[in-house]
Amino acid sequence: MILERQQRIQQRAYALWEAEGQPHGMHEEHWHRAEKEVEAEESAARVKKAASPPAARERNEASRPRRRRKSSGA
């Protein structure tokens, strides 16, 4: 997972460098900006993921037929 994150940061930094005309000596700035952007994406994904499971559980439970309990017959 760390390797995947590093690759995403590297790709983002490269894209920033290219978008700015490939300036010399800006690699650290591009890297730091890329890290912040990737972190923001990961954070948004975590929030979205944390918010979605309860709704998914509710949908699944609503679609299941409820089982009736046996009466004790007293």
Protein backbone atom coordinates (compact mmCIF):
# COMPACT_ATOMS: atom_id res chain seq x y z
CA MET A 1 0.00 0.00 0.00
CA ILE A 2 2.85 2.38 0.77
CA LEU A 3 4.46 1.61 -2.58
CA GLU A 4 1.16 2.27 -4.36
CA ARG A 5 0.81 5.61 -2.54
CA GLN A 6 4.39 6.59 -3.43
CA GLN A 7 3.71 5.77 -7.09
CA ARG A 8 0.57 7.91 -7.08
CA ILE A 9 2.51 10.80 -5.56
CA GLN A 10 5.30 10.37 -8.12
CA GLN A 11 2.81 10.35 -11.00
CA ARG A 12 1.03 13.41 -9.64
CA ALA A 13 4.31 15.30 -9.11
CA TYR A 14 5.36 14.47 -12.66
CA ALA A 15 2.03 15.71 -14.01
CA LEU A 16 2.43 18.96 -12.05
CA TRP A 17 5.96 19.38 -13.40
CA GLU A 18 4.79 18.83 -16.97
CA ALA A 19 1.80 21.16 -16.55
CA GLU A 20 4.13 23.94 -15.40
CA GLY A 21 6.40 23.62 -18.41
CA GLN A 22 8.98 21.26 -16.89
CA PRO A 23 10.80 23.89 -14.80
CA HIS A 24 14.21 23.04 -13.37
CA GLY A 25 14.67 22.91 -9.58
CA MET A 26 10.99 22.62 -8.60
CA HIS A 27 10.93 18.90 -7.80
CA GLU A 28 10.49 19.33 -4.03
CA GLU A 29 7.61 21.76 -4.44
CA HIS A 30 5.90 19.46 -6.92
CA TRP A 31 6.43 16.47 -4.65
CA HIS A 32 4.95 18.25 -1.61
CA ARG A 33 1.96 19.49 -3.60
CA ALA A 34 1.40 16.00 -4.96
CA GLU A 35 1.56 14.54 -1.42
CA LYS A 36 -1.08 17.01 -0.23
CA GLU A 37 -3.35 16.26 -3.18
CA VAL A 38 -3.05 12.48 -2.74
CA GLU A 39 -3.68 12.82 1.01
CA ALA A 40 -6.79 14.90 0.32
CA GLU A 41 -8.08 12.24 -2.08
CA GLU A 42 -7.41 9.46 0.43
CA SER A 43 -9.10 11.41 3.20
CA ALA A 44 -12.18 12.04 1.05
CA ALA A 45 -12.31 8.35 0.15
CA ARG A 46 -12.11 7.35 3.84
CA VAL A 47 -14.96 9.69 4.73
CA LYS A 48 -17.07 8.39 1.86
CA LYS A 49 -16.34 4.78 2.79
CA ALA A 50 -17.15 5.38 6.45
CA ALA A 51 -20.46 6.98 5.52
CA SER A 52 -21.62 4.34 3.06
CA PRO A 53 -21.60 0.98 4.93
CA PRO A 54 -24.56 1.73 7.26
CA ALA A 55 -26.74 2.66 4.31
CA ALA A 56 -25.66 -0.48 2.49
CA ARG A 57 -26.46 -2.58 5.55
CA GLU A 58 -29.91 -1.01 5.82
CA ARG A 59 -30.64 -1.78 2.16
CA ASN A 60 -29.53 -5.38 2.61
CA GLU A 61 -31.57 -5.85 5.77
CA ALA A 62 -34.66 -4.31 4.22
CA SER A 63 -34.50 -6.71 1.29
CA ARG A 64 -34.28 -9.82 3.49
CA PRO A 65 -37.49 -11.47 4.63
CA ARG A 66 -37.89 -11.39 8.38
CA ARG A 67 -38.00 -14.67 10.21
CA ARG A 68 -40.88 -15.24 12.57
CA ARG A 69 -40.20 -16.47 16.03
CA LYS A 70 -41.96 -19.58 17.15
CA SER A 71 -44.50 -18.91 19.82
CA SER A 72 -44.17 -20.76 23.10
CA GLY A 73 -47.76 -21.99 22.77
CA ALA A 74 -48.74 -21.26 26.35
